[in-house]
Amino acid sequence: MDNLYPLAKLGSLILMINKSDKDFIGGERALEVMSVQIDLDKKTIFEIMPLEKHLKFNPWEEIVEEAERELVFKVINNKFSDNDIKEKIVDILEKTKIV
């Protein structure tokens, strides 16, 4: 999960992006940044979609503290199988990372 970056939260929802894509947010390639939404309460991993769509329509709160990001990773590891994390988050975001 070293390539993942928990960017924002909204209640029990987390927006996860590829760590290497965070530098593109707010720039000319911002529309290319893809994200995976995770519902920690409902244990649901949603389909990948452009980060911009999430940020445009919902009042997401940026996760700024490293300690909070580490906590998000712990919760994800406890709620989801290694296989689900790899296939539904890591692999998907890796395929869409900006080069």
C-alpha atoms as a PDB file:
ATOM      1  CA  MET A   1       0.000   0.000   0.000  1.00  0.00           C
ATOM      2  CA  ASP A   2       3.040   2.250  -0.306  1.00  0.00           C
ATOM      3  CA  ASN A   3       1.662   3.612  -3.581  1.00  0.00           C
ATOM      4  CA  LEU A   4      -1.656   4.682  -2.038  1.00  0.00           C
ATOM      5  CA  TYR A   5      -2.527   8.075  -0.604  1.00  0.00           C
ATOM      6  CA  PRO A   6      -5.663   8.716   1.482  1.00  0.00           C
ATOM      7  CA  LEU A   7      -6.487  12.216   0.266  1.00  0.00           C
ATOM      8  CA  ALA A   8      -9.810  13.157   1.833  1.00  0.00           C
ATOM      9  CA  LYS A   9     -12.647  12.010   4.064  1.00  0.00           C
ATOM     10  CA  LEU A  10     -16.361  12.598   4.382  1.00  0.00           C
ATOM     11  CA  GLY A  11     -17.857  10.784   7.357  1.00  0.00           C
ATOM     12  CA  SER A  12     -16.951   7.123   6.885  1.00  0.00           C
ATOM     13  CA  LEU A  13     -15.926   7.695   3.256  1.00  0.00           C
ATOM     14  CA  ILE A  14     -12.296   7.906   2.181  1.00  0.00           C
ATOM     15  CA  LEU A  15     -10.917   9.032  -1.179  1.00  0.00           C
ATOM     16  CA  MET A  16      -7.796   7.148  -2.158  1.00  0.00           C
ATOM     17  CA  ILE A  17      -5.470   8.156  -4.985  1.00  0.00           C
ATOM     18  CA  ASN A  18      -2.147   6.960  -6.301  1.00  0.00           C
ATOM     19  CA  LYS A  19       0.544   8.646  -4.214  1.00  0.00           C
ATOM     20  CA  SER A  20       2.499   9.759  -7.278  1.00  0.00           C
ATOM     21  CA  ASP A  21      -0.598  11.537  -8.657  1.00  0.00           C
ATOM     22  CA  LYS A  22      -1.008  13.926  -5.719  1.00  0.00           C
ATOM     23  CA  ASP A  23       1.393  16.424  -7.302  1.00  0.00           C
ATOM     24  CA  PHE A  24      -0.998  16.798 -10.262  1.00  0.00           C
ATOM     25  CA  ILE A  25      -3.949  17.949  -8.140  1.00  0.00           C
ATOM     26  CA  GLY A  26      -4.671  21.592  -8.892  1.00  0.00           C
ATOM     27  CA  GLY A  27      -2.447  21.573 -11.959  1.00  0.00           C
ATOM     28  CA  GLU A  28      -3.089  21.365 -15.677  1.00  0.00           C
ATOM     29  CA  ARG A  29      -3.379  17.560 -15.520  1.00  0.00           C
ATOM     30  CA  ALA A  30      -5.716  17.515 -12.509  1.00  0.00           C
ATOM     31  CA  LEU A  31      -8.569  16.044 -14.531  1.00  0.00           C
ATOM     32  CA  GLU A  32      -6.461  12.926 -15.112  1.00  0.00           C
ATOM     33  CA  VAL A  33      -6.174  12.071 -11.402  1.00  0.00           C
ATOM     34  CA  MET A  34      -8.321   9.042 -10.631  1.00  0.00           C
ATOM     35  CA  SER A  35      -9.634   8.002  -7.224  1.00  0.00           C
ATOM     36  CA  VAL A  36     -11.269   5.110  -5.452  1.00  0.00           C
ATOM     37  CA  GLN A  37     -13.922   5.848  -2.838  1.00  0.00           C
ATOM     38  CA  ILE A  38     -14.011   3.534   0.166  1.00  0.00           C
ATOM     39  CA  ASP A  39     -16.868   3.338   2.666  1.00  0.00           C
ATOM     40  CA  LEU A  40     -15.361   2.099   5.914  1.00  0.00           C
ATOM     41  CA  ASP A  41     -18.717   1.603   7.682  1.00  0.00           C
ATOM     42  CA  LYS A  42     -20.359  -0.348   4.867  1.00  0.00           C
ATOM     43  CA  LYS A  43     -17.107  -2.113   3.920  1.00  0.00           C
ATOM     44  CA  THR A  44     -17.515  -1.092   0.296  1.00  0.00           C
ATOM     45  CA  ILE A  45     -14.931  -0.246  -2.343  1.00  0.00           C
ATOM     46  CA  PHE A  46     -16.471   1.720  -5.208  1.00  0.00           C
ATOM     47  CA  GLU A  47     -15.479   1.835  -8.874  1.00  0.00           C
ATOM     48  CA  ILE A  48     -12.653   4.120  -9.901  1.00  0.00           C
ATOM     49  CA  MET A  49     -13.642   7.584 -11.045  1.00  0.00           C
ATOM     50  CA  PRO A  50     -12.032  10.973 -11.674  1.00  0.00           C
ATOM     51  CA  LEU A  51     -11.074  12.697  -8.434  1.00  0.00           C
ATOM     52  CA  GLU A  52     -12.470  15.968  -9.764  1.00  0.00           C
ATOM     53  CA  LYS A  53     -16.025  14.561  -9.798  1.00  0.00           C
ATOM     54  CA  HIS A  54     -15.834  13.708  -6.112  1.00  0.00           C
ATOM     55  CA  LEU A  55     -14.338  17.035  -5.100  1.00  0.00           C
ATOM     56  CA  LYS A  56     -16.778  19.023  -7.224  1.00  0.00           C
ATOM     57  CA  PHE A  57     -19.973  17.625  -5.740  1.00  0.00           C
ATOM     58  CA  ASN A  58     -19.198  16.788  -2.098  1.00  0.00           C
ATOM     59  CA  PRO A  59     -17.698  18.699   0.849  1.00  0.00           C
ATOM     60  CA  TRP A  60     -14.637  16.461   1.323  1.00  0.00           C
ATOM     61  CA  GLU A  61     -12.201  17.290   4.109  1.00  0.00           C
ATOM     62  CA  GLU A  62      -8.546  16.898   3.208  1.00  0.00           C
ATOM     63  CA  ILE A  63      -6.540  14.469   5.325  1.00  0.00           C
ATOM     64  CA  VAL A  64      -3.490  16.521   6.230  1.00  0.00           C
ATOM     65  CA  GLU A  65      -1.954  14.711   9.189  1.00  0.00           C
ATOM     66  CA  GLU A  66       0.329  11.749   8.530  1.00  0.00           C
ATOM     67  CA  ALA A  67      -0.982  10.083  11.710  1.00  0.00           C
ATOM     68  CA  GLU A  68      -4.516  10.204  10.342  1.00  0.00           C
ATOM     69  CA  ARG A  69      -3.381   8.676   7.041  1.00  0.00           C
ATOM     70  CA  GLU A  70      -1.709   5.844   8.965  1.00  0.00           C
ATOM     71  CA  LEU A  71      -4.929   5.289  10.907  1.00  0.00           C
ATOM     72  CA  VAL A  72      -6.878   5.088   7.635  1.00  0.00           C
ATOM     73  CA  PHE A  73      -4.486   2.380   6.407  1.00  0.00           C
ATOM     74  CA  LYS A  74      -4.928   0.404   9.640  1.00  0.00           C
ATOM     75  CA  VAL A  75      -8.720   0.561   9.380  1.00  0.00           C
ATOM     76  CA  ILE A  76      -8.646  -0.465   5.709  1.00  0.00           C
ATOM     77  CA  ASN A  77      -6.379  -3.408   6.544  1.00  0.00           C
ATOM     78  CA  ASN A  78      -8.780  -4.505   9.279  1.00  0.00           C
ATOM     79  CA  LYS A  79     -11.956  -4.168   7.194  1.00  0.00           C
ATOM     80  CA  PHE A  80     -10.845  -5.535   3.825  1.00  0.00           C
ATOM     81  CA  SER A  81      -8.979  -8.625   2.700  1.00  0.00           C
ATOM     82  CA  ASP A  82      -5.481  -8.287   1.256  1.00  0.00           C
ATOM     83  CA  ASN A  83      -6.867  -9.565  -2.035  1.00  0.00           C
ATOM     84  CA  ASP A  84      -9.627  -6.907  -2.172  1.00  0.00           C
ATOM     85  CA  ILE A  85      -7.143  -4.150  -1.332  1.00  0.00           C
ATOM     86  CA  LYS A  86      -4.770  -5.319  -4.040  1.00  0.00           C
ATOM     87  CA  GLU A  87      -7.339  -5.962  -6.788  1.00  0.00           C
ATOM     88  CA  LYS A  88      -9.893  -3.210  -6.113  1.00  0.00           C
ATOM     89  CA  ILE A  89      -7.624  -0.395  -4.989  1.00  0.00           C
ATOM     90  CA  VAL A  90      -3.887  -0.859  -5.594  1.00  0.00           C
ATOM     91  CA  ASP A  91      -4.024  -2.516  -9.028  1.00  0.00           C
ATOM     92  CA  ILE A  92      -6.794  -0.236 -10.313  1.00  0.00           C
ATOM     93  CA  LEU A  93      -5.031   2.972  -9.290  1.00  0.00           C
ATOM     94  CA  GLU A  94      -1.707   1.667 -10.582  1.00  0.00           C
ATOM     95  CA  LYS A  95      -3.228   1.186 -14.053  1.00  0.00           C
ATOM     96  CA  THR A  96      -4.451   4.780 -14.154  1.00  0.00           C
ATOM     97  CA  LYS A  97      -1.513   6.603 -12.591  1.00  0.00           C
ATOM     98  CA  ILE A  98      -0.247   9.621 -14.453  1.00  0.00           C
ATOM     99  CA  VAL A  99       3.121   9.190 -16.084  1.00  0.00           C
END
